[in-house]
Amino acid sequence: MIRTNLRNGVKFDLACEFITVEDRELKAMIIDDALKTEIAELHYGKRMPLPEVSKLLGISMDRLLKASDEMLDAMIRTSEEFSGWESGDQGQVTH
């Protein structure tokens, strides 16, 4: 639903208001994941500059950079865990 609204020109926060999940934590996770998906597709996939992504989504650069940094940190942790798992140095991959 968020993606459909975004594709129809609705800004990110307004698009998220249509989520009908009552669990606050789950709703926050859905919104966080949706934002990171948009960043991945627009910035890393389509090479759209971050200021343009910020403007398109209608969110601040601070919020955009925070979400992007969190996403990249998670990818690095997963890569490190997987690398250790492959070499037998660590337990199971947790992500």
Protein backbone atom coordinates (compact mmCIF):
# COMPACT_ATOMS: atom_id res chain seq x y z
CA MET A 1 0.00 0.00 0.00
CA ILE A 2 2.84 2.41 0.82
CA ARG A 3 4.52 1.76 -2.52
CA THR A 4 1.30 2.22 -4.47
CA ASN A 5 0.68 5.53 -2.75
CA LEU A 6 4.24 6.68 -3.41
CA ARG A 7 3.93 5.78 -7.09
CA ASN A 8 0.79 7.91 -7.19
CA GLY A 9 2.72 10.95 -5.94
CA VAL A 10 1.82 10.75 -2.25
CA LYS A 11 4.66 11.78 0.06
CA PHE A 12 6.15 9.10 2.31
CA ASP A 13 4.64 10.02 5.70
CA LEU A 14 1.16 10.43 4.25
CA ALA A 15 1.52 7.14 2.37
CA CYS A 16 2.34 5.45 5.69
CA GLU A 17 -0.82 6.77 7.35
CA PHE A 18 -2.85 4.27 5.33
CA ILE A 19 -1.27 1.30 7.16
CA THR A 20 -3.96 -0.32 9.27
CA VAL A 21 -1.72 -2.32 11.60
CA GLU A 22 -2.61 -1.70 15.23
CA ASP A 23 0.61 -3.01 16.77
CA ARG A 24 2.79 0.11 17.08
CA GLU A 25 6.09 -1.75 16.99
CA LEU A 26 5.10 -3.73 13.93
CA LYS A 27 3.85 -0.58 12.19
CA ALA A 28 7.14 1.19 12.96
CA MET A 29 9.10 -1.75 11.50
CA ILE A 30 6.95 -1.73 8.35
CA ILE A 31 7.53 2.00 7.88
CA ASP A 32 11.27 1.67 8.54
CA ASP A 33 11.59 -1.19 6.05
CA ALA A 34 9.55 0.67 3.43
CA LEU A 35 11.79 3.73 3.73
CA LYS A 36 14.94 1.64 3.41
CA THR A 37 13.48 -0.16 0.39
CA GLU A 38 12.78 3.17 -1.31
CA ILE A 39 16.31 4.39 -0.56
CA ALA A 40 17.81 1.17 -1.92
CA GLU A 41 15.79 1.31 -5.12
CA LEU A 42 15.97 5.04 -5.81
CA HIS A 43 19.48 5.91 -4.65
CA TYR A 44 21.48 2.71 -5.00
CA GLY A 45 19.44 1.14 -7.79
CA LYS A 46 18.51 4.10 -9.96
CA ARG A 47 21.43 6.31 -8.83
CA MET A 48 19.12 9.15 -7.81
CA PRO A 49 21.02 11.66 -5.67
CA LEU A 50 19.99 11.63 -2.01
CA PRO A 51 18.70 15.23 -2.07
CA GLU A 52 16.35 14.23 -4.89
CA VAL A 53 15.20 11.15 -2.96
CA SER A 54 14.55 13.37 0.06
CA LYS A 55 12.49 15.77 -2.03
CA LEU A 56 10.59 13.01 -3.85
CA LEU A 57 9.65 11.25 -0.60
CA GLY A 58 9.04 14.50 1.29
CA ILE A 59 11.35 13.61 4.17
CA SER A 60 14.31 15.44 5.68
CA MET A 61 17.88 14.69 4.64
CA ASP A 62 18.67 13.87 8.29
CA ARG A 63 16.00 11.18 8.36
CA LEU A 64 17.07 9.86 4.97
CA LEU A 65 20.74 9.67 5.95
CA LYS A 66 19.92 7.99 9.26
CA ALA A 67 17.88 5.28 7.51
CA SER A 68 20.56 4.83 4.83
CA ASP A 69 23.31 4.51 7.45
CA GLU A 70 21.26 1.94 9.40
CA MET A 71 20.69 -0.05 6.24
CA LEU A 72 24.38 -0.03 5.31
CA ASP A 73 25.43 -0.96 8.86
CA ALA A 74 23.06 -3.95 8.79
CA MET A 75 24.49 -5.05 5.45
CA ILE A 76 28.05 -4.82 6.78
CA ARG A 77 27.16 -6.83 9.91
CA THR A 78 25.45 -9.49 7.82
CA SER A 79 28.41 -9.68 5.46
CA GLU A 80 30.84 -10.03 8.36
CA GLU A 81 28.70 -12.71 10.01
CA PHE A 82 28.35 -14.61 6.75
CA SER A 83 32.08 -14.38 6.11
CA GLY A 84 32.80 -15.76 9.57
CA TRP A 85 30.19 -18.47 9.12
CA GLU A 86 31.69 -19.57 5.81
CA SER A 87 35.17 -19.85 7.33
CA GLY A 88 33.86 -21.68 10.38
CA ASP A 89 34.85 -18.90 12.77
CA GLN A 90 31.34 -18.12 14.04
CA GLY A 91 27.99 -19.68 14.74
CA GLN A 92 24.90 -19.29 12.63
CA VAL A 93 24.14 -16.19 10.61
CA THR A 94 21.60 -14.20 12.63
CA HIS A 95 20.21 -11.91 9.92
